[in-house]
Amino acid sequence: MGTPCRAGLILSEISLILCPKKGNWLADGFLALPYAKEVAEAGLVDAGLARAGALVSIIGVREKPARIDERRFAYGVLRVSFDDIPVPEWVAADGSRWFGPYEEQVRDVLAFGRHVRAAGCDHVAVHCLHGRSRSPAVAVAMMADALGPGREAEAVSRLMTRSARPGVPSDPDSVRRILCNPGVIRLADGIMGRGGALERAVAAGVPLYAAWAGFWQAQCLVP
């Protein structure tokens, strides 16, 4: 990244770029967190048109990487690869292997956020495949880190209060479809030393989180 760090600056913007496949839950674009200055249509990362100072690009282990023109992100791009499961590794009944977030990856995400904030970046974009689980979890963890201890509920509220760009139809159900990957939330909570506060805030503020975590518990995959 190469930009000198300057302490004391706070993150003023994190947006979620939703890059859904055709026919998925939100096909007309991405919504942004209240920090965001603008939102835009889906596929901006692939099209090279996303506007942000820095980008966290999350893909699955077997997913095709996003086509990113890294020159567009002055403060850098962090590429992270993990599947949407809450544990480091899982072998499915069909023998396929899935790899969830590792502690080192979540540490890298938080460290990246701190670095670009200190360097003066005020707009960090986060994307995954569908924008429902991995990227919201990473975004809320980065916001909780930026806001500081005791403001976890505020970070979740900012995640769940999103608006579409003028002229782009919004999906009234989009916010209610957010899940948040339980593994990312648990790891981030521990890394930041929040004593479960982030997990509790997400459970209280994200309607589908408890069901999503319960689904994985039913599969015996408890974060």
C-alpha atoms as a PDB file:
ATOM      1  CA  MET A   1       0.000   0.000   0.000  1.00  0.00           C
ATOM      2  CA  GLY A   2       2.918   2.317   0.651  1.00  0.00           C
ATOM      3  CA  THR A   3       0.966   5.263   2.079  1.00  0.00           C
ATOM      4  CA  PRO A   4       2.402   6.681   5.322  1.00  0.00           C
ATOM      5  CA  CYS A   5       0.120   6.143   8.324  1.00  0.00           C
ATOM      6  CA  ARG A   6      -1.239   9.083  10.276  1.00  0.00           C
ATOM      7  CA  ALA A   7      -2.865   8.282  13.597  1.00  0.00           C
ATOM      8  CA  GLY A   8      -6.131   9.718  14.825  1.00  0.00           C
ATOM      9  CA  LEU A   9      -8.310   9.505  11.711  1.00  0.00           C
ATOM     10  CA  ILE A  10     -11.560   7.568  11.878  1.00  0.00           C
ATOM     11  CA  LEU A  11     -13.312   5.617   9.192  1.00  0.00           C
ATOM     12  CA  SER A  12     -16.098   7.687   7.669  1.00  0.00           C
ATOM     13  CA  GLU A  13     -17.395   5.224   5.144  1.00  0.00           C
ATOM     14  CA  ILE A  14     -17.793   1.498   4.642  1.00  0.00           C
ATOM     15  CA  SER A  15     -20.112   0.299   1.907  1.00  0.00           C
ATOM     16  CA  LEU A  16     -21.262  -3.145   0.899  1.00  0.00           C
ATOM     17  CA  ILE A  17     -20.986  -3.952  -2.763  1.00  0.00           C
ATOM     18  CA  LEU A  18     -23.479  -6.674  -3.546  1.00  0.00           C
ATOM     19  CA  CYS A  19     -22.499  -8.646  -6.610  1.00  0.00           C
ATOM     20  CA  PRO A  20     -25.368 -11.122  -7.021  1.00  0.00           C
ATOM     21  CA  LYS A  21     -25.822 -13.567  -9.816  1.00  0.00           C
ATOM     22  CA  LYS A  22     -28.781 -12.917 -12.082  1.00  0.00           C
ATOM     23  CA  GLY A  23     -32.018 -13.813 -10.370  1.00  0.00           C
ATOM     24  CA  ASN A  24     -30.683 -13.640  -6.832  1.00  0.00           C
ATOM     25  CA  TRP A  25     -32.125 -11.586  -4.021  1.00  0.00           C
ATOM     26  CA  LEU A  26     -30.942  -8.163  -5.181  1.00  0.00           C
ATOM     27  CA  ALA A  27     -30.350  -7.777  -8.902  1.00  0.00           C
ATOM     28  CA  ASP A  28     -30.548  -4.018  -9.350  1.00  0.00           C
ATOM     29  CA  GLY A  29     -27.460  -2.875  -7.523  1.00  0.00           C
ATOM     30  CA  PHE A  30     -25.857  -2.547  -4.138  1.00  0.00           C
ATOM     31  CA  LEU A  31     -26.991  -0.632  -1.116  1.00  0.00           C
ATOM     32  CA  ALA A  32     -24.614   1.254   1.118  1.00  0.00           C
ATOM     33  CA  LEU A  33     -24.164   1.829   4.808  1.00  0.00           C
ATOM     34  CA  PRO A  34     -24.955   5.276   6.206  1.00  0.00           C
ATOM     35  CA  TYR A  35     -21.267   6.124   5.921  1.00  0.00           C
ATOM     36  CA  ALA A  36     -21.553   5.831   2.149  1.00  0.00           C
ATOM     37  CA  LYS A  37     -21.563   8.802  -0.174  1.00  0.00           C
ATOM     38  CA  GLU A  38     -23.005   6.925  -3.123  1.00  0.00           C
ATOM     39  CA  VAL A  39     -24.254   3.525  -4.197  1.00  0.00           C
ATOM     40  CA  ALA A  40     -24.328   1.969  -7.626  1.00  0.00           C
ATOM     41  CA  GLU A  41     -25.308  -0.990  -9.760  1.00  0.00           C
ATOM     42  CA  ALA A  42     -24.169  -4.541  -9.201  1.00  0.00           C
ATOM     43  CA  GLY A  43     -21.044  -5.651 -10.990  1.00  0.00           C
ATOM     44  CA  LEU A  44     -19.106  -2.425 -10.434  1.00  0.00           C
ATOM     45  CA  VAL A  45     -16.066  -4.294  -9.199  1.00  0.00           C
ATOM     46  CA  ASP A  46     -15.965  -6.450 -12.319  1.00  0.00           C
ATOM     47  CA  ALA A  47     -16.663  -3.382 -14.454  1.00  0.00           C
ATOM     48  CA  GLY A  48     -13.906  -1.435 -12.742  1.00  0.00           C
ATOM     49  CA  LEU A  49     -16.244   1.372 -11.735  1.00  0.00           C
ATOM     50  CA  ALA A  50     -16.489   1.007  -7.953  1.00  0.00           C
ATOM     51  CA  ARG A  51     -15.627   4.242  -6.177  1.00  0.00           C
ATOM     52  CA  ALA A  52     -13.781   3.767  -2.900  1.00  0.00           C
ATOM     53  CA  GLY A  53     -10.459   4.548  -1.371  1.00  0.00           C
ATOM     54  CA  ALA A  54      -9.865   0.893  -0.519  1.00  0.00           C
ATOM     55  CA  LEU A  55     -11.521  -2.444  -1.182  1.00  0.00           C
ATOM     56  CA  VAL A  56     -11.882  -5.733   0.677  1.00  0.00           C
ATOM     57  CA  SER A  57     -12.643  -8.420  -1.912  1.00  0.00           C
ATOM     58  CA  ILE A  58     -14.028 -11.670  -0.474  1.00  0.00           C
ATOM     59  CA  ILE A  59     -14.440 -14.744  -2.642  1.00  0.00           C
ATOM     60  CA  GLY A  60     -14.994 -18.429  -1.966  1.00  0.00           C
ATOM     61  CA  VAL A  61     -12.158 -20.899  -2.271  1.00  0.00           C
ATOM     62  CA  ARG A  62     -13.526 -22.149  -5.592  1.00  0.00           C
ATOM     63  CA  GLU A  63     -15.039 -18.882  -6.814  1.00  0.00           C
ATOM     64  CA  LYS A  64     -13.582 -16.943  -9.700  1.00  0.00           C
ATOM     65  CA  PRO A  65     -11.777 -13.827  -8.410  1.00  0.00           C
ATOM     66  CA  ALA A  66     -13.376 -10.475  -9.119  1.00  0.00           C
ATOM     67  CA  ARG A  67     -11.778  -8.528 -11.940  1.00  0.00           C
ATOM     68  CA  ILE A  68     -10.336  -5.590 -10.026  1.00  0.00           C
ATOM     69  CA  ASP A  69      -8.383  -2.680 -11.408  1.00  0.00           C
ATOM     70  CA  GLU A  70      -6.381  -2.062  -8.265  1.00  0.00           C
ATOM     71  CA  ARG A  71      -5.190   1.310  -9.561  1.00  0.00           C
ATOM     72  CA  ARG A  72      -8.670   2.638  -8.800  1.00  0.00           C
ATOM     73  CA  PHE A  73      -8.198   2.064  -5.077  1.00  0.00           C
ATOM     74  CA  ALA A  74      -5.562   4.510  -3.886  1.00  0.00           C
ATOM     75  CA  TYR A  75      -5.207   2.936  -0.456  1.00  0.00           C
ATOM     76  CA  GLY A  76      -5.079  -0.643  -1.636  1.00  0.00           C
ATOM     77  CA  VAL A  77      -7.073  -3.839  -2.128  1.00  0.00           C
ATOM     78  CA  LEU A  78      -7.194  -6.722   0.322  1.00  0.00           C
ATOM     79  CA  ARG A  79      -8.194 -10.043  -1.241  1.00  0.00           C
ATOM     80  CA  VAL A  80      -9.527 -12.666   1.151  1.00  0.00           C
ATOM     81  CA  SER A  81     -10.677 -16.159   0.205  1.00  0.00           C
ATOM     82  CA  PHE A  82     -13.004 -18.237   2.371  1.00  0.00           C
ATOM     83  CA  ASP A  83     -16.328 -19.992   1.978  1.00  0.00           C
ATOM     84  CA  ASP A  84     -19.515 -19.006   3.751  1.00  0.00           C
ATOM     85  CA  ILE A  85     -19.267 -21.458   6.626  1.00  0.00           C
ATOM     86  CA  PRO A  86     -18.555 -20.545  10.277  1.00  0.00           C
ATOM     87  CA  VAL A  87     -15.660 -22.940  10.944  1.00  0.00           C
ATOM     88  CA  PRO A  88     -12.191 -23.196   9.380  1.00  0.00           C
ATOM     89  CA  GLU A  89     -12.904 -26.449   7.516  1.00  0.00           C
ATOM     90  CA  TRP A  90     -15.846 -28.724   6.787  1.00  0.00           C
ATOM     91  CA  VAL A  91     -16.197 -31.885   4.708  1.00  0.00           C
ATOM     92  CA  ALA A  92     -19.724 -32.203   3.300  1.00  0.00           C
ATOM     93  CA  ALA A  93     -21.601 -35.479   2.861  1.00  0.00           C
ATOM     94  CA  ASP A  94     -20.616 -35.549  -0.808  1.00  0.00           C
ATOM     95  CA  GLY A  95     -16.943 -35.342   0.123  1.00  0.00           C
ATOM     96  CA  SER A  96     -16.461 -31.733  -0.936  1.00  0.00           C
ATOM     97  CA  ARG A  97     -14.261 -29.639   1.322  1.00  0.00           C
ATOM     98  CA  TRP A  98     -15.211 -26.125   2.402  1.00  0.00           C
ATOM     99  CA  PHE A  99     -12.976 -23.609   4.101  1.00  0.00           C
ATOM    100  CA  GLY A 100     -14.360 -20.922   6.375  1.00  0.00           C
ATOM    101  CA  PRO A 101     -12.658 -17.879   7.892  1.00  0.00           C
ATOM    102  CA  TYR A 102      -9.456 -18.323   9.838  1.00  0.00           C
ATOM    103  CA  GLU A 103      -8.415 -16.052  12.678  1.00  0.00           C
ATOM    104  CA  GLU A 104      -5.449 -14.817  10.664  1.00  0.00           C
ATOM    105  CA  GLN A 105      -7.766 -13.696   7.854  1.00  0.00           C
ATOM    106  CA  VAL A 106     -10.007 -11.724  10.197  1.00  0.00           C
ATOM    107  CA  ARG A 107      -6.934 -10.176  11.801  1.00  0.00           C
ATOM    108  CA  ASP A 108      -5.756  -9.173   8.322  1.00  0.00           C
ATOM    109  CA  VAL A 109      -9.121  -7.518   7.566  1.00  0.00           C
ATOM    110  CA  LEU A 110      -9.112  -5.514  10.790  1.00  0.00           C
ATOM    111  CA  ALA A 111      -5.459  -4.559  10.344  1.00  0.00           C
ATOM    112  CA  PHE A 112      -6.183  -3.449   6.779  1.00  0.00           C
ATOM    113  CA  GLY A 113      -9.046  -1.255   8.002  1.00  0.00           C
ATOM    114  CA  ARG A 114      -6.848   0.321  10.663  1.00  0.00           C
ATOM    115  CA  HIS A 115      -4.041   0.926   8.188  1.00  0.00           C
ATOM    116  CA  VAL A 116      -6.163   2.675   5.578  1.00  0.00           C
ATOM    117  CA  ARG A 117      -8.004   4.717   8.220  1.00  0.00           C
ATOM    118  CA  ALA A 118      -4.700   5.912   9.642  1.00  0.00           C
ATOM    119  CA  ALA A 119      -3.497   6.716   6.136  1.00  0.00           C
ATOM    120  CA  GLY A 120      -6.506   8.967   5.546  1.00  0.00           C
ATOM    121  CA  CYS A 121      -8.895   6.702   3.661  1.00  0.00           C
ATOM    122  CA  ASP A 122     -12.533   7.591   4.365  1.00  0.00           C
ATOM    123  CA  HIS A 123     -14.276   5.064   2.088  1.00  0.00           C
ATOM    124  CA  VAL A 124     -13.718   1.314   2.318  1.00  0.00           C
ATOM    125  CA  ALA A 125     -15.846  -0.949   0.132  1.00  0.00           C
ATOM    126  CA  VAL A 126     -16.448  -4.614   0.954  1.00  0.00           C
ATOM    127  CA  HIS A 127     -17.845  -7.190  -1.455  1.00  0.00           C
ATOM    128  CA  CYS A 128     -18.529 -10.913  -1.595  1.00  0.00           C
ATOM    129  CA  LEU A 129     -20.649 -12.973  -3.976  1.00  0.00           C
ATOM    130  CA  HIS A 130     -24.154 -12.190  -2.721  1.00  0.00           C
ATOM    131  CA  GLY A 131     -23.558  -9.557  -0.063  1.00  0.00           C
ATOM    132  CA  ARG A 132     -25.645 -11.358   2.534  1.00  0.00           C
ATOM    133  CA  SER A 133     -23.260 -13.095   4.906  1.00  0.00           C
ATOM    134  CA  ARG A 134     -19.518 -12.705   4.496  1.00  0.00           C
ATOM    135  CA  SER A 135     -19.291  -9.048   3.457  1.00  0.00           C
ATOM    136  CA  PRO A 136     -21.857  -7.777   6.010  1.00  0.00           C
ATOM    137  CA  ALA A 137     -19.968  -9.635   8.755  1.00  0.00           C
ATOM    138  CA  VAL A 138     -16.648  -8.155   7.679  1.00  0.00           C
ATOM    139  CA  ALA A 139     -18.157  -4.670   7.303  1.00  0.00           C
ATOM    140  CA  VAL A 140     -19.791  -4.640  10.721  1.00  0.00           C
ATOM    141  CA  ALA A 141     -16.576  -5.935  12.306  1.00  0.00           C
ATOM    142  CA  MET A 142     -14.587  -3.143  10.637  1.00  0.00           C
ATOM    143  CA  MET A 143     -17.119  -0.553  11.782  1.00  0.00           C
ATOM    144  CA  ALA A 144     -17.135  -1.872  15.344  1.00  0.00           C
ATOM    145  CA  ASP A 145     -13.348  -1.669  15.322  1.00  0.00           C
ATOM    146  CA  ALA A 146     -13.449   1.902  14.007  1.00  0.00           C
ATOM    147  CA  LEU A 147     -16.117   3.036  16.473  1.00  0.00           C
ATOM    148  CA  GLY A 148     -14.455   1.441  19.488  1.00  0.00           C
ATOM    149  CA  PRO A 149     -15.587  -0.677  22.465  1.00  0.00           C
ATOM    150  CA  GLY A 150     -19.116  -0.159  23.713  1.00  0.00           C
ATOM    151  CA  ARG A 151     -20.493   0.921  20.326  1.00  0.00           C
ATOM    152  CA  GLU A 152     -21.142  -2.507  18.832  1.00  0.00           C
ATOM    153  CA  ALA A 153     -24.903  -1.924  18.667  1.00  0.00           C
ATOM    154  CA  GLU A 154     -24.261   1.301  16.778  1.00  0.00           C
ATOM    155  CA  ALA A 155     -22.138  -0.566  14.251  1.00  0.00           C
ATOM    156  CA  VAL A 156     -24.943  -3.077  13.719  1.00  0.00           C
ATOM    157  CA  SER A 157     -27.513  -0.294  13.428  1.00  0.00           C
ATOM    158  CA  ARG A 158     -25.434   1.358  10.743  1.00  0.00           C
ATOM    159  CA  LEU A 159     -25.182  -1.947   8.915  1.00  0.00           C
ATOM    160  CA  MET A 160     -28.936  -2.429   9.007  1.00  0.00           C
ATOM    161  CA  THR A 161     -29.865   1.141   8.036  1.00  0.00           C
ATOM    162  CA  ARG A 162     -29.066   1.402   4.364  1.00  0.00           C
ATOM    163  CA  SER A 163     -30.415   3.470   1.479  1.00  0.00           C
ATOM    164  CA  ALA A 164     -30.280   3.226  -2.286  1.00  0.00           C
ATOM    165  CA  ARG A 165     -28.841   5.846  -4.599  1.00  0.00           C
ATOM    166  CA  PRO A 166     -31.457   8.269  -5.948  1.00  0.00           C
ATOM    167  CA  GLY A 167     -32.904   6.869  -9.136  1.00  0.00           C
ATOM    168  CA  VAL A 168     -32.022   3.261  -8.304  1.00  0.00           C
ATOM    169  CA  PRO A 169     -35.009   1.254  -7.005  1.00  0.00           C
ATOM    170  CA  SER A 170     -34.385  -0.174  -3.555  1.00  0.00           C
ATOM    171  CA  ASP A 171     -35.451  -3.582  -2.344  1.00  0.00           C
ATOM    172  CA  PRO A 172     -37.432  -3.145   0.903  1.00  0.00           C
ATOM    173  CA  ASP A 173     -36.519  -6.696   1.903  1.00  0.00           C
ATOM    174  CA  SER A 174     -32.787  -6.352   1.265  1.00  0.00           C
ATOM    175  CA  VAL A 175     -31.796  -5.367   4.784  1.00  0.00           C
ATOM    176  CA  ARG A 176     -33.926  -8.089   6.334  1.00  0.00           C
ATOM    177  CA  ARG A 177     -32.070 -10.678   4.236  1.00  0.00           C
ATOM    178  CA  ILE A 178     -28.688  -9.933   5.801  1.00  0.00           C
ATOM    179  CA  LEU A 179     -27.277 -12.939   7.652  1.00  0.00           C
ATOM    180  CA  CYS A 180     -23.680 -12.213   8.811  1.00  0.00           C
ATOM    181  CA  ASN A 181     -21.234 -15.111   8.860  1.00  0.00           C
ATOM    182  CA  PRO A 182     -21.114 -16.334  12.500  1.00  0.00           C
ATOM    183  CA  GLY A 183     -17.475 -17.374  12.221  1.00  0.00           C
ATOM    184  CA  VAL A 184     -16.338 -13.898  11.186  1.00  0.00           C
ATOM    185  CA  ILE A 185     -18.384 -12.295  13.975  1.00  0.00           C
ATOM    186  CA  ARG A 186     -17.031 -14.648  16.647  1.00  0.00           C
ATOM    187  CA  LEU A 187     -13.426 -14.267  15.522  1.00  0.00           C
ATOM    188  CA  ALA A 188     -13.650 -10.481  15.257  1.00  0.00           C
ATOM    189  CA  ASP A 189     -15.259 -10.242  18.695  1.00  0.00           C
ATOM    190  CA  GLY A 190     -12.400 -12.230  20.199  1.00  0.00           C
ATOM    191  CA  ILE A 191      -9.658 -10.396  18.330  1.00  0.00           C
ATOM    192  CA  MET A 192     -11.032  -7.002  19.420  1.00  0.00           C
ATOM    193  CA  GLY A 193     -11.500  -8.218  22.986  1.00  0.00           C
ATOM    194  CA  ARG A 194     -15.208  -7.363  23.085  1.00  0.00           C
ATOM    195  CA  GLY A 195     -16.184 -10.204  25.414  1.00  0.00           C
ATOM    196  CA  GLY A 196     -19.147 -11.268  23.289  1.00  0.00           C
ATOM    197  CA  ALA A 197     -20.535  -7.740  22.862  1.00  0.00           C
ATOM    198  CA  LEU A 198     -20.301  -7.823  19.070  1.00  0.00           C
ATOM    199  CA  GLU A 199     -21.930 -11.251  18.895  1.00  0.00           C
ATOM    200  CA  ARG A 200     -24.758 -10.094  21.166  1.00  0.00           C
ATOM    201  CA  ALA A 201     -25.270  -6.909  19.181  1.00  0.00           C
ATOM    202  CA  VAL A 202     -25.447  -8.814  15.886  1.00  0.00           C
ATOM    203  CA  ALA A 203     -27.833 -11.371  17.377  1.00  0.00           C
ATOM    204  CA  ALA A 204     -30.070  -8.555  18.641  1.00  0.00           C
ATOM    205  CA  GLY A 205     -29.910  -6.370  15.556  1.00  0.00           C
ATOM    206  CA  VAL A 206     -29.777  -8.758  12.600  1.00  0.00           C
ATOM    207  CA  PRO A 207     -33.121 -10.612  12.437  1.00  0.00           C
ATOM    208  CA  LEU A 208     -31.850 -13.641  10.513  1.00  0.00           C
ATOM    209  CA  TYR A 209     -28.597 -14.064  12.404  1.00  0.00           C
ATOM    210  CA  ALA A 210     -29.938 -16.400  15.086  1.00  0.00           C
ATOM    211  CA  ALA A 211     -31.549 -18.655  12.496  1.00  0.00           C
ATOM    212  CA  TRP A 212     -28.375 -18.644  10.395  1.00  0.00           C
ATOM    213  CA  ALA A 213     -26.211 -19.533  13.378  1.00  0.00           C
ATOM    214  CA  GLY A 214     -28.773 -22.151  14.399  1.00  0.00           C
ATOM    215  CA  PHE A 215     -28.627 -23.721  10.952  1.00  0.00           C
ATOM    216  CA  TRP A 216     -24.893 -24.271  11.313  1.00  0.00           C
ATOM    217  CA  GLN A 217     -25.308 -25.558  14.844  1.00  0.00           C
ATOM    218  CA  ALA A 218     -27.751 -28.119  13.469  1.00  0.00           C
ATOM    219  CA  GLN A 219     -24.992 -29.238  11.124  1.00  0.00           C
ATOM    220  CA  CYS A 220     -22.722 -29.575  14.152  1.00  0.00           C
ATOM    221  CA  LEU A 221     -20.673 -26.649  12.896  1.00  0.00           C
ATOM    222  CA  VAL A 222     -20.581 -24.387  15.928  1.00  0.00           C
ATOM    223  CA  PRO A 223     -18.189 -21.445  15.613  1.00  0.00           C
END
